[in-house]
C-alpha atoms as a PDB file:
ATOM      1  CA  MET A   1      -1.950 -22.671  -2.312  1.00  0.00           C
ATOM      2  CA  ASN A   2      -5.143 -24.292  -1.124  1.00  0.00           C
ATOM      3  CA  VAL A   3      -4.396 -25.413   2.436  1.00  0.00           C
ATOM      4  CA  THR A   4      -6.894 -24.536   5.131  1.00  0.00           C
ATOM      5  CA  THR A   5      -7.177 -26.268   8.504  1.00  0.00           C
ATOM      6  CA  ALA A   6      -8.318 -25.165  11.933  1.00  0.00           C
ATOM      7  CA  ASP A   7      -4.837 -23.876  12.716  1.00  0.00           C
ATOM      8  CA  VAL A   8      -3.333 -22.950   9.333  1.00  0.00           C
ATOM      9  CA  ARG A   9      -5.197 -20.869   6.768  1.00  0.00           C
ATOM     10  CA  SER A  10      -4.341 -19.642   3.292  1.00  0.00           C
ATOM     11  CA  LEU A  11      -3.992 -15.858   3.168  1.00  0.00           C
ATOM     12  CA  ALA A  12      -6.216 -15.816   0.092  1.00  0.00           C
ATOM     13  CA  GLU A  13      -9.106 -17.115   2.207  1.00  0.00           C
ATOM     14  CA  VAL A  14      -8.947 -14.760   5.196  1.00  0.00           C
ATOM     15  CA  ARG A  15     -10.904 -11.510   5.507  1.00  0.00           C
ATOM     16  CA  LEU A  16     -11.120  -8.557   7.882  1.00  0.00           C
ATOM     17  CA  THR A  17     -13.814 -10.425   9.795  1.00  0.00           C
ATOM     18  CA  ASP A  18     -11.184 -13.043  10.661  1.00  0.00           C
ATOM     19  CA  ALA A  19      -8.913 -10.553  12.433  1.00  0.00           C
ATOM     20  CA  ALA A  20      -9.548 -12.055  15.886  1.00  0.00           C
ATOM     21  CA  ALA A  21      -8.169 -15.387  14.683  1.00  0.00           C
ATOM     22  CA  VAL A  22      -5.417 -14.309  12.313  1.00  0.00           C
ATOM     23  CA  GLY A  23      -4.556 -10.778  13.450  1.00  0.00           C
ATOM     24  CA  PRO A  24      -5.130  -7.510  11.550  1.00  0.00           C
ATOM     25  CA  LYS A  25      -1.959  -7.895   9.484  1.00  0.00           C
ATOM     26  CA  ALA A  26      -3.018 -11.219   7.951  1.00  0.00           C
ATOM     27  CA  ALA A  27      -6.641 -10.101   7.598  1.00  0.00           C
ATOM     28  CA  LYS A  28      -5.611  -7.026   5.589  1.00  0.00           C
ATOM     29  CA  LEU A  29      -3.335  -9.073   3.362  1.00  0.00           C
ATOM     30  CA  GLY A  30      -6.272 -11.383   2.662  1.00  0.00           C
ATOM     31  CA  GLU A  31      -8.477  -8.453   1.678  1.00  0.00           C
ATOM     32  CA  MET A  32      -5.810  -7.118  -0.658  1.00  0.00           C
ATOM     33  CA  LEU A  33      -5.420 -10.527  -2.295  1.00  0.00           C
ATOM     34  CA  ARG A  34      -9.178 -10.761  -2.735  1.00  0.00           C
ATOM     35  CA  ALA A  35      -9.119  -7.378  -4.492  1.00  0.00           C
ATOM     36  CA  GLY A  36      -6.537  -8.651  -6.973  1.00  0.00           C
ATOM     37  CA  LEU A  37      -3.633  -6.623  -5.624  1.00  0.00           C
ATOM     38  CA  PRO A  38      -0.106  -8.054  -5.997  1.00  0.00           C
ATOM     39  CA  VAL A  39       0.513  -9.622  -2.588  1.00  0.00           C
ATOM     40  CA  PRO A  40       2.995 -12.503  -2.190  1.00  0.00           C
ATOM     41  CA  PRO A  41       1.206 -15.834  -1.592  1.00  0.00           C
ATOM     42  CA  GLY A  42       1.289 -17.316   1.872  1.00  0.00           C
ATOM     43  CA  PHE A  43      -0.534 -18.711   4.855  1.00  0.00           C
ATOM     44  CA  VAL A  44      -1.185 -17.796   8.465  1.00  0.00           C
ATOM     45  CA  VAL A  45      -0.789 -19.842  11.630  1.00  0.00           C
ATOM     46  CA  THR A  46      -3.734 -18.761  13.786  1.00  0.00           C
ATOM     47  CA  ALA A  47      -3.580 -17.362  17.309  1.00  0.00           C
ATOM     48  CA  ASP A  48      -5.513 -20.387  18.568  1.00  0.00           C
ATOM     49  CA  ALA A  49      -2.799 -22.621  17.117  1.00  0.00           C
ATOM     50  CA  TYR A  50      -0.339 -20.946  19.479  1.00  0.00           C
ATOM     51  CA  LEU A  51      -2.612 -21.527  22.468  1.00  0.00           C
ATOM     52  CA  ARG A  52      -3.166 -25.173  21.541  1.00  0.00           C
ATOM     53  CA  SER A  53       0.574 -25.719  21.177  1.00  0.00           C
ATOM     54  CA  MET A  54       1.246 -24.207  24.603  1.00  0.00           C
ATOM     55  CA  GLU A  55      -1.462 -26.502  26.036  1.00  0.00           C
ATOM     56  CA  ALA A  56       0.009 -29.542  24.297  1.00  0.00           C
ATOM     57  CA  GLY A  57       3.451 -28.602  25.569  1.00  0.00           C
ATOM     58  CA  GLY A  58       2.212 -28.391  29.159  1.00  0.00           C
ATOM     59  CA  VAL A  59       3.190 -24.759  29.714  1.00  0.00           C
ATOM     60  CA  ARG A  60       0.016 -22.775  29.046  1.00  0.00           C
ATOM     61  CA  SER A  61      -1.225 -22.468  32.642  1.00  0.00           C
ATOM     62  CA  GLY A  62       2.228 -21.675  34.046  1.00  0.00           C
ATOM     63  CA  LEU A  63       2.831 -19.141  31.287  1.00  0.00           C
ATOM     64  CA  ALA A  64      -0.501 -17.435  31.971  1.00  0.00           C
ATOM     65  CA  LEU A  65       0.249 -17.180  35.692  1.00  0.00           C
ATOM     66  CA  ARG A  66       3.721 -15.768  35.088  1.00  0.00           C
ATOM     67  CA  TYR A  67       2.318 -13.270  32.618  1.00  0.00           C
ATOM     68  CA  ALA A  68      -0.410 -12.111  35.035  1.00  0.00           C
ATOM     69  CA  ASP A  69       2.173 -11.610  37.786  1.00  0.00           C
ATOM     70  CA  THR A  70       4.410  -9.683  35.385  1.00  0.00           C
ATOM     71  CA  LEU A  71       1.581  -7.330  34.406  1.00  0.00           C
ATOM     72  CA  LEU A  72       0.859  -6.598  38.062  1.00  0.00           C
ATOM     73  CA  GLY A  73       4.485  -5.656  38.576  1.00  0.00           C
ATOM     74  CA  CYS A  74       4.762  -3.344  35.578  1.00  0.00           C
ATOM     75  CA  ASP A  75       3.634  -0.358  37.663  1.00  0.00           C
ATOM     76  CA  THR A  76       6.206  -1.038  40.354  1.00  0.00           C
ATOM     77  CA  VAL A  77       9.171   1.308  40.724  1.00  0.00           C
ATOM     78  CA  GLY A  78      12.375  -0.405  39.642  1.00  0.00           C
ATOM     79  CA  MET A  79      10.547  -2.970  37.530  1.00  0.00           C
ATOM     80  CA  THR A  80      12.952  -2.825  34.574  1.00  0.00           C
ATOM     81  CA  ALA A  81      15.331  -5.590  35.687  1.00  0.00           C
ATOM     82  CA  VAL A  82      12.490  -7.771  36.958  1.00  0.00           C
ATOM     83  CA  LEU A  83      10.565  -7.339  33.705  1.00  0.00           C
ATOM     84  CA  ALA A  84      13.591  -8.369  31.643  1.00  0.00           C
ATOM     85  CA  GLU A  85      14.086 -11.480  33.773  1.00  0.00           C
ATOM     86  CA  SER A  86      10.400 -12.386  33.626  1.00  0.00           C
ATOM     87  CA  SER A  87      10.280 -11.844  29.864  1.00  0.00           C
ATOM     88  CA  GLU A  88      13.187 -14.206  29.364  1.00  0.00           C
ATOM     89  CA  ALA A  89      11.538 -16.822  31.577  1.00  0.00           C
ATOM     90  CA  MET A  90       8.280 -16.645  29.600  1.00  0.00           C
ATOM     91  CA  ALA A  91      10.130 -16.892  26.294  1.00  0.00           C
ATOM     92  CA  ARG A  92      11.884 -20.023  27.570  1.00  0.00           C
ATOM     93  CA  LEU A  93       8.521 -21.612  28.344  1.00  0.00           C
ATOM     94  CA  VAL A  94       7.273 -20.833  24.844  1.00  0.00           C
ATOM     95  CA  ARG A  95      10.370 -22.371  23.273  1.00  0.00           C
ATOM     96  CA  ARG A  96      10.168 -25.415  25.533  1.00  0.00           C
ATOM     97  CA  ALA A  97       6.676 -26.142  24.253  1.00  0.00           C
ATOM     98  CA  GLY A  98       7.258 -25.236  20.603  1.00  0.00           C
ATOM     99  CA  LEU A  99       4.822 -26.352  17.923  1.00  0.00           C
ATOM    100  CA  SER A 100       2.623 -29.337  18.638  1.00  0.00           C
ATOM    101  CA  VAL A 101       3.222 -32.368  16.431  1.00  0.00           C
ATOM    102  CA  GLU A 102      -0.104 -31.745  14.687  1.00  0.00           C
ATOM    103  CA  LEU A 103       0.642 -28.093  14.017  1.00  0.00           C
ATOM    104  CA  ALA A 104       4.143 -28.818  12.717  1.00  0.00           C
ATOM    105  CA  ALA A 105       2.621 -31.230  10.187  1.00  0.00           C
ATOM    106  CA  GLN A 106       0.070 -28.616   9.082  1.00  0.00           C
ATOM    107  CA  VAL A 107       2.783 -25.988   8.692  1.00  0.00           C
ATOM    108  CA  TYR A 108       4.880 -28.372   6.590  1.00  0.00           C
ATOM    109  CA  THR A 109       1.938 -29.117   4.302  1.00  0.00           C
ATOM    110  CA  ALA A 110       1.175 -25.417   3.867  1.00  0.00           C
ATOM    111  CA  TYR A 111       4.840 -24.648   3.247  1.00  0.00           C
ATOM    112  CA  VAL A 112       5.050 -27.264   0.503  1.00  0.00           C
ATOM    113  CA  GLY A 113       1.861 -25.770  -0.944  1.00  0.00           C
ATOM    114  CA  LEU A 114       3.643 -22.460  -1.526  1.00  0.00           C
ATOM    115  CA  GLY A 115       5.608 -24.170  -4.271  1.00  0.00           C
ATOM    116  CA  VAL A 116       9.015 -23.572  -2.762  1.00  0.00           C
ATOM    117  CA  ASP A 117      11.752 -26.160  -2.339  1.00  0.00           C
ATOM    118  CA  VAL A 118      11.556 -26.811   1.400  1.00  0.00           C
ATOM    119  CA  ASP A 119      15.027 -28.359   1.416  1.00  0.00           C
ATOM    120  CA  GLY A 120      16.601 -25.719  -0.802  1.00  0.00           C
ATOM    121  CA  PRO A 121      17.395 -22.023  -0.686  1.00  0.00           C
ATOM    122  CA  ALA A 122      14.007 -20.530  -1.603  1.00  0.00           C
ATOM    123  CA  PRO A 123      13.156 -18.138   1.257  1.00  0.00           C
ATOM    124  CA  VAL A 124       9.942 -17.088   2.959  1.00  0.00           C
ATOM    125  CA  ALA A 125       9.186 -14.124   5.206  1.00  0.00           C
ATOM    126  CA  VAL A 126       7.734 -14.756   8.676  1.00  0.00           C
ATOM    127  CA  ARG A 127       5.836 -11.989  10.489  1.00  0.00           C
ATOM    128  CA  PRO A 128       3.820 -11.841  13.727  1.00  0.00           C
ATOM    129  CA  SER A 129       0.220 -10.704  13.227  1.00  0.00           C
ATOM    130  CA  SER A 130      -1.394  -9.372  16.377  1.00  0.00           C
ATOM    131  CA  PRO A 131      -2.901  -6.176  17.742  1.00  0.00           C
ATOM    132  CA  ASP A 132       0.337  -5.586  19.657  1.00  0.00           C
ATOM    133  CA  SER A 133       2.581  -5.788  16.591  1.00  0.00           C
ATOM    134  CA  ASP A 134       0.164  -3.916  14.336  1.00  0.00           C
ATOM    135  CA  SER A 135      -0.847  -1.014  16.553  1.00  0.00           C
ATOM    136  CA  GLY A 136       0.642   2.439  16.722  1.00  0.00           C
ATOM    137  CA  PRO A 137       2.578   4.408  14.140  1.00  0.00           C
ATOM    138  CA  VAL A 138       4.322   2.617  11.326  1.00  0.00           C
ATOM    139  CA  SER A 139       7.719   3.602  12.705  1.00  0.00           C
ATOM    140  CA  ALA A 140       7.277   2.025  16.127  1.00  0.00           C
ATOM    141  CA  PRO A 141       6.539  -1.704  15.976  1.00  0.00           C
ATOM    142  CA  VAL A 142       7.184  -3.769  19.114  1.00  0.00           C
ATOM    143  CA  MET A 143       7.498  -7.080  17.259  1.00  0.00           C
ATOM    144  CA  HIS A 144       9.662  -7.668  14.221  1.00  0.00           C
ATOM    145  CA  ALA A 145       9.680  -9.868  11.125  1.00  0.00           C
ATOM    146  CA  TYR A 146      12.131 -12.423   9.754  1.00  0.00           C
ATOM    147  CA  THR A 147      12.573 -11.733   6.069  1.00  0.00           C
ATOM    148  CA  THR A 148      14.850 -14.538   4.870  1.00  0.00           C
ATOM    149  CA  VAL A 149      13.810 -17.909   6.264  1.00  0.00           C
ATOM    150  CA  ARG A 150      14.863 -21.094   4.485  1.00  0.00           C
ATOM    151  CA  GLY A 151      13.735 -24.675   5.057  1.00  0.00           C
ATOM    152  CA  THR A 152      11.217 -26.311   7.366  1.00  0.00           C
ATOM    153  CA  ALA A 153      13.386 -26.360  10.483  1.00  0.00           C
ATOM    154  CA  ASP A 154      14.209 -22.659  10.153  1.00  0.00           C
ATOM    155  CA  LEU A 155      10.548 -21.832   9.509  1.00  0.00           C
ATOM    156  CA  ILE A 156       9.354 -23.653  12.622  1.00  0.00           C
ATOM    157  CA  GLU A 157      12.029 -21.962  14.708  1.00  0.00           C
ATOM    158  CA  ARG A 158      10.965 -18.526  13.483  1.00  0.00           C
ATOM    159  CA  ILE A 159       7.292 -19.199  14.196  1.00  0.00           C
ATOM    160  CA  VAL A 160       8.283 -19.959  17.786  1.00  0.00           C
ATOM    161  CA  ASP A 161      10.394 -16.796  17.837  1.00  0.00           C
ATOM    162  CA  CYS A 162       7.307 -14.794  16.827  1.00  0.00           C
ATOM    163  CA  TRP A 163       5.382 -16.366  19.682  1.00  0.00           C
ATOM    164  CA  ALA A 164       8.178 -15.562  22.135  1.00  0.00           C
ATOM    165  CA  GLN A 165       8.234 -11.922  21.024  1.00  0.00           C
ATOM    166  CA  MET A 166       4.841 -11.443  22.683  1.00  0.00           C
ATOM    167  CA  PHE A 167       6.634 -11.578  26.009  1.00  0.00           C
ATOM    168  CA  GLY A 168       9.398  -9.112  25.188  1.00  0.00           C
ATOM    169  CA  PRO A 169       9.609  -6.197  27.670  1.00  0.00           C
ATOM    170  CA  ARG A 170       8.324  -3.577  25.202  1.00  0.00           C
ATOM    171  CA  ALA A 171       5.365  -5.732  24.153  1.00  0.00           C
ATOM    172  CA  VAL A 172       4.414  -6.474  27.753  1.00  0.00           C
ATOM    173  CA  LEU A 173       4.701  -2.821  28.739  1.00  0.00           C
ATOM    174  CA  ARG A 174       2.533  -1.718  25.819  1.00  0.00           C
ATOM    175  CA  ARG A 175      -0.232  -4.147  26.801  1.00  0.00           C
ATOM    176  CA  SER A 176       0.077  -3.124  30.451  1.00  0.00           C
ATOM    177  CA  ARG A 177      -0.256   0.578  29.636  1.00  0.00           C
ATOM    178  CA  SER A 178      -3.226  -0.057  27.356  1.00  0.00           C
ATOM    179  CA  GLY A 179      -5.035  -1.899  30.142  1.00  0.00           C
ATOM    180  CA  ALA A 180      -4.993  -5.272  28.337  1.00  0.00           C
ATOM    181  CA  ARG A 181      -5.072  -8.103  30.847  1.00  0.00           C
ATOM    182  CA  ALA A 182      -6.202 -11.103  28.783  1.00  0.00           C
ATOM    183  CA  GLU A 183      -3.891 -13.999  27.990  1.00  0.00           C
ATOM    184  CA  PRO A 184      -2.001 -12.877  24.865  1.00  0.00           C
ATOM    185  CA  ALA A 185      -1.903 -14.848  21.642  1.00  0.00           C
ATOM    186  CA  VAL A 186      -0.372 -14.088  18.261  1.00  0.00           C
ATOM    187  CA  ALA A 187      -0.909 -15.365  14.742  1.00  0.00           C
ATOM    188  CA  VAL A 188       2.036 -15.726  12.358  1.00  0.00           C
ATOM    189  CA  VAL A 189       2.085 -14.875   8.640  1.00  0.00           C
ATOM    190  CA  VAL A 190       4.316 -16.876   6.287  1.00  0.00           C
ATOM    191  CA  GLN A 191       4.776 -15.550   2.739  1.00  0.00           C
ATOM    192  CA  VAL A 192       7.047 -16.140  -0.206  1.00  0.00           C
ATOM    193  CA  ALA A 193       9.895 -13.655   0.265  1.00  0.00           C
ATOM    194  CA  ILE A 194      10.443 -10.994  -2.375  1.00  0.00           C
ATOM    195  CA  PRO A 195      14.147 -10.418  -3.210  1.00  0.00           C
ATOM    196  CA  ALA A 196      13.670  -6.654  -3.151  1.00  0.00           C
ATOM    197  CA  GLU A 197      15.839  -4.532  -5.396  1.00  0.00           C
ATOM    198  CA  LYS A 198      14.157  -1.406  -4.035  1.00  0.00           C
ATOM    199  CA  ALA A 199      11.486  -1.011  -1.386  1.00  0.00           C
ATOM    200  CA  GLY A 200       9.807   1.353   1.023  1.00  0.00           C
ATOM    201  CA  VAL A 201       6.525   2.691   2.341  1.00  0.00           C
ATOM    202  CA  ALA A 202       3.597   4.326   0.528  1.00  0.00           C
ATOM    203  CA  SER A 203       1.279   6.508   2.611  1.00  0.00           C
ATOM    204  CA  PRO A 204      -1.929   7.939   1.129  1.00  0.00           C
ATOM    205  CA  ALA A 205      -2.387  11.386   2.687  1.00  0.00           C
ATOM    206  CA  ARG A 206      -5.645  13.203   3.303  1.00  0.00           C
ATOM    207  CA  ALA A 207      -6.602  16.820   2.809  1.00  0.00           C
ATOM    208  CA  SER A 208      -8.615  18.750   5.402  1.00  0.00           C
ATOM    209  CA  ASN A 209     -11.849  17.391   3.911  1.00  0.00           C
ATOM    210  CA  GLY A 210     -10.714  13.825   4.641  1.00  0.00           C
ATOM    211  CA  ARG A 211     -10.209  12.823   1.006  1.00  0.00           C
ATOM    212  CA  VAL A 212      -6.923  11.361  -0.194  1.00  0.00           C
ATOM    213  CA  ASP A 213      -5.239  13.957  -2.393  1.00  0.00           C
ATOM    214  CA  ARG A 214      -1.675  12.642  -2.572  1.00  0.00           C
ATOM    215  CA  VAL A 215       0.499   9.639  -1.827  1.00  0.00           C
ATOM    216  CA  VAL A 216       3.822  10.077  -0.027  1.00  0.00           C
ATOM    217  CA  LEU A 217       6.419   7.480  -0.971  1.00  0.00           C
ATOM    218  CA  GLU A 218       9.633   6.670   0.853  1.00  0.00           C
ATOM    219  CA  ALA A 219      12.038   4.538  -1.162  1.00  0.00           C
ATOM    220  CA  ALA A 220      15.434   2.933  -0.637  1.00  0.00           C
ATOM    221  CA  TRP A 221      17.648   0.389  -2.346  1.00  0.00           C
ATOM    222  CA  GLY A 222      17.325  -3.209  -1.143  1.00  0.00           C
ATOM    223  CA  ARG A 223      14.921  -4.302   1.570  1.00  0.00           C
ATOM    224  CA  GLY A 224      12.399  -1.871   2.993  1.00  0.00           C
ATOM    225  CA  GLU A 225      13.068  -2.488   6.675  1.00  0.00           C
ATOM    226  CA  VAL A 226      15.879   0.075   6.426  1.00  0.00           C
ATOM    227  CA  VAL A 227      13.129   2.636   5.783  1.00  0.00           C
ATOM    228  CA  VAL A 228      10.724   1.411   8.468  1.00  0.00           C
ATOM    229  CA  SER A 229      13.488   1.209  11.079  1.00  0.00           C
ATOM    230  CA  GLY A 230      14.926   4.602  10.151  1.00  0.00           C
ATOM    231  CA  ARG A 231      18.378   3.188   9.374  1.00  0.00           C
ATOM    232  CA  VAL A 232      18.650   5.275   6.200  1.00  0.00           C
ATOM    233  CA  HIS A 233      17.296   8.566   4.925  1.00  0.00           C
ATOM    234  CA  PRO A 234      15.112   7.419   2.011  1.00  0.00           C
ATOM    235  CA  ASP A 235      14.190   9.276  -1.132  1.00  0.00           C
ATOM    236  CA  ARG A 236      10.795  10.951  -0.727  1.00  0.00           C
ATOM    237  CA  TYR A 237       8.254  11.364  -3.525  1.00  0.00           C
ATOM    238  CA  VAL A 238       4.882  13.062  -3.451  1.00  0.00           C
ATOM    239  CA  VAL A 239       2.402  11.804  -6.059  1.00  0.00           C
ATOM    240  CA  ASP A 240      -0.866  13.555  -6.914  1.00  0.00           C
ATOM    241  CA  ALA A 241      -3.749  11.165  -6.256  1.00  0.00           C
ATOM    242  CA  SER A 242      -5.866  12.505  -9.109  1.00  0.00           C
ATOM    243  CA  ASP A 243      -3.483  11.789 -11.995  1.00  0.00           C
ATOM    244  CA  LEU A 244      -0.523   9.933 -10.391  1.00  0.00           C
ATOM    245  CA  ARG A 245       1.823  12.745 -11.373  1.00  0.00           C
ATOM    246  CA  VAL A 246       4.991  13.145  -9.283  1.00  0.00           C
ATOM    247  CA  THR A 247       4.815  16.656  -7.821  1.00  0.00           C
ATOM    248  CA  SER A 248       7.806  16.615  -5.496  1.00  0.00           C
ATOM    249  CA  VAL A 249      11.046  14.676  -5.079  1.00  0.00           C
ATOM    250  CA  ARG A 250      13.496  14.936  -2.202  1.00  0.00           C
ATOM    251  CA  ALA A 251      16.732  12.975  -2.425  1.00  0.00           C
ATOM    252  CA  GLY A 252      17.717  10.955   0.595  1.00  0.00           C
ATOM    253  CA  ARG A 253      21.030   9.690   1.877  1.00  0.00           C
ATOM    254  CA  GLN A 254      21.826   5.994   1.747  1.00  0.00           C
ATOM    255  CA  GLU A 255      25.280   4.477   2.142  1.00  0.00           C
ATOM    256  CA  PHE A 256      24.253   0.800   2.249  1.00  0.00           C
ATOM    257  CA  GLU A 257      21.481  -1.597   1.309  1.00  0.00           C
ATOM    258  CA  VAL A 258      20.209  -4.836   2.847  1.00  0.00           C
ATOM    259  CA  ILE A 259      19.833  -7.725   0.420  1.00  0.00           C
ATOM    260  CA  PRO A 260      19.115 -11.475   0.747  1.00  0.00           C
ATOM    261  CA  GLY A 261      22.174 -13.650   1.304  1.00  0.00           C
ATOM    262  CA  ARG A 262      22.656 -16.709  -0.863  1.00  0.00           C
ATOM    263  CA  ASP A 263      23.273 -19.160   1.968  1.00  0.00           C
ATOM    264  CA  ARG A 264      22.571 -17.033   5.034  1.00  0.00           C
ATOM    265  CA  PRO A 265      20.126 -14.350   6.240  1.00  0.00           C
ATOM    266  CA  ASP A 266      20.099 -10.800   4.917  1.00  0.00           C
ATOM    267  CA  VAL A 267      23.423  -9.082   4.421  1.00  0.00           C
ATOM    268  CA  THR A 268      24.377  -5.414   4.485  1.00  0.00           C
ATOM    269  CA  VAL A 269      26.246  -4.162   1.413  1.00  0.00           C
ATOM    270  CA  GLN A 270      27.918  -0.777   1.026  1.00  0.00           C
ATOM    271  CA  LEU A 271      26.657   1.234  -1.942  1.00  0.00           C
ATOM    272  CA  GLU A 272      29.080   2.853  -4.335  1.00  0.00           C
ATOM    273  CA  PRO A 273      28.721   6.654  -4.177  1.00  0.00           C
ATOM    274  CA  ARG A 274      27.499   6.793  -7.786  1.00  0.00           C
ATOM    275  CA  HIS A 275      24.814   4.196  -7.079  1.00  0.00           C
ATOM    276  CA  ALA A 276      23.718   5.918  -3.892  1.00  0.00           C
ATOM    277  CA  ALA A 277      23.288   9.196  -5.775  1.00  0.00           C
ATOM    278  CA  VAL A 278      20.891   7.724  -8.368  1.00  0.00           C
ATOM    279  CA  PRO A 279      17.172   8.298  -7.618  1.00  0.00           C
ATOM    280  CA  VAL A 280      15.629   5.062  -6.354  1.00  0.00           C
ATOM    281  CA  LEU A 281      12.427   5.434  -8.387  1.00  0.00           C
ATOM    282  CA  THR A 282      11.576   6.707 -11.831  1.00  0.00           C
ATOM    283  CA  ASP A 283       8.414   8.780 -12.177  1.00  0.00           C
ATOM    284  CA  GLN A 284       6.658   5.789 -13.741  1.00  0.00           C
ATOM    285  CA  GLU A 285       7.642   3.494 -10.864  1.00  0.00           C
ATOM    286  CA  ALA A 286       6.448   6.083  -8.349  1.00  0.00           C
ATOM    287  CA  ALA A 287       3.120   6.361 -10.183  1.00  0.00           C
ATOM    288  CA  THR A 288       2.688   2.577 -10.216  1.00  0.00           C
ATOM    289  CA  ILE A 289       3.353   2.233  -6.489  1.00  0.00           C
ATOM    290  CA  ALA A 290       1.084   5.171  -5.659  1.00  0.00           C
ATOM    291  CA  GLY A 291      -1.708   3.664  -7.754  1.00  0.00           C
ATOM    292  CA  LEU A 292      -1.455   0.353  -5.891  1.00  0.00           C
ATOM    293  CA  ALA A 293      -1.483   2.169  -2.545  1.00  0.00           C
ATOM    294  CA  LEU A 294      -4.621   4.077  -3.515  1.00  0.00           C
ATOM    295  CA  ARG A 295      -6.389   0.854  -4.536  1.00  0.00           C
ATOM    296  CA  ALA A 296      -5.408  -0.780  -1.268  1.00  0.00           C
ATOM    297  CA  ASP A 297      -6.384   2.285   0.775  1.00  0.00           C
ATOM    298  CA  GLY A 298      -9.923   2.067  -0.574  1.00  0.00           C
ATOM    299  CA  LEU A 299     -10.359  -1.344   1.069  1.00  0.00           C
ATOM    300  CA  PHE A 300     -10.000  -0.110   4.644  1.00  0.00           C
ATOM    301  CA  ALA A 301     -11.910   2.303   6.833  1.00  0.00           C
ATOM    302  CA  GLU A 302      -8.837   3.512   8.717  1.00  0.00           C
ATOM    303  CA  PRO A 303      -5.750   5.176   7.207  1.00  0.00           C
ATOM    304  CA  ALA A 304      -2.927   2.783   6.398  1.00  0.00           C
ATOM    305  CA  ALA A 305       0.662   2.842   5.188  1.00  0.00           C
ATOM    306  CA  PHE A 306       1.693   0.151   2.735  1.00  0.00           C
ATOM    307  CA  GLU A 307       5.073  -1.523   2.611  1.00  0.00           C
ATOM    308  CA  TRP A 308       6.086  -2.306  -0.959  1.00  0.00           C
ATOM    309  CA  ALA A 309       8.969  -3.908  -2.801  1.00  0.00           C
ATOM    310  CA  THR A 310       9.988  -4.297  -6.415  1.00  0.00           C
ATOM    311  CA  ALA A 311      11.891  -7.225  -7.924  1.00  0.00           C
ATOM    312  CA  ALA A 312      12.469  -8.188 -11.553  1.00  0.00           C
ATOM    313  CA  GLY A 313      10.313  -5.305 -12.721  1.00  0.00           C
ATOM    314  CA  ARG A 314       7.267  -6.184 -10.600  1.00  0.00           C
ATOM    315  CA  THR A 315       5.926  -4.308  -7.584  1.00  0.00           C
ATOM    316  CA  TRP A 316       4.448  -6.143  -4.602  1.00  0.00           C
ATOM    317  CA  LEU A 317       2.517  -4.946  -1.547  1.00  0.00           C
ATOM    318  CA  LEU A 318       3.956  -6.668   1.515  1.00  0.00           C
ATOM    319  CA  GLU A 319       1.973  -5.241   4.402  1.00  0.00           C
ATOM    320  CA  ALA A 320      -0.665  -2.713   5.452  1.00  0.00           C
ATOM    321  CA  ARG A 321       0.062  -0.925   8.708  1.00  0.00           C
ATOM    322  CA  PRO A 322      -2.274   1.432  10.562  1.00  0.00           C
ATOM    323  CA  VAL A 323      -1.073   4.990  10.965  1.00  0.00           C
ATOM    324  CA  THR A 324      -1.939   7.669  13.470  1.00  0.00           C
ATOM    325  CA  ARG A 325      -4.002  10.576  12.225  1.00  0.00           C
ATOM    326  CA  ALA A 326      -2.222  13.889  11.939  1.00  0.00           C
END
């Protein structure tokens, strides 16, 4: 894909220095692509594109005022009900404005550039990319992704949903407690969706001297959000960073998997007991994933955990999330 405009940028062309415009999530994906790592192709709708759409829709000033008032009330006793009501009101304003005509055209062009059939079943994943969604431990995001999005209309709706998530109660409270008072804005990442057969998280771990000495893998059948959300107990593998040898395996417990639906979003499927008892990864697969995580880890100054997925015998890195230091 080779689409770059003021508001829509190819992931392959963004860098860490672009984080203010595209969010840390998109910026890290761009760095991994530049390094030749297997990252699904995609594009990012910039944070400024959101602001321009709110301006074009005539809601930006009213939204900013409502948001400022909501932040002031976050420290008030009994704010919970008021915050929920205010969050819903702000989300309605975002949806009323939606994408500007110009932005919708840019998104369509970029979507076509991914090489998918925009009128057919080929899915993309849509993820918010902002300091609010990317901060904190990997297990506690305040904004979530949409992993099976099909067609232009669905894509545009999910971009707006990502924008609206900025004003969810948890997101507002996090910004309030961190002292952030500026008008919020979020970028949105759109990538070709990987029909994961198995997925999880790879976390390079550091010894007391600060050097990575092992990679801890969590793995489950189907899509990896069951690992990130804690819905299953994944298999756990420890891989030596020096020679990619599996040094420890702990079996998990998984009764179901989440897989893409043919004509609808993801579906939950019960696993047969025999399937659930089979280790998710072979030693060779664990070594491959660990090796990719180590390559990706070397690109960033801060520790990161990497979401991964495998499909048709190929492993992909889907996301790099910051982690808290132990």
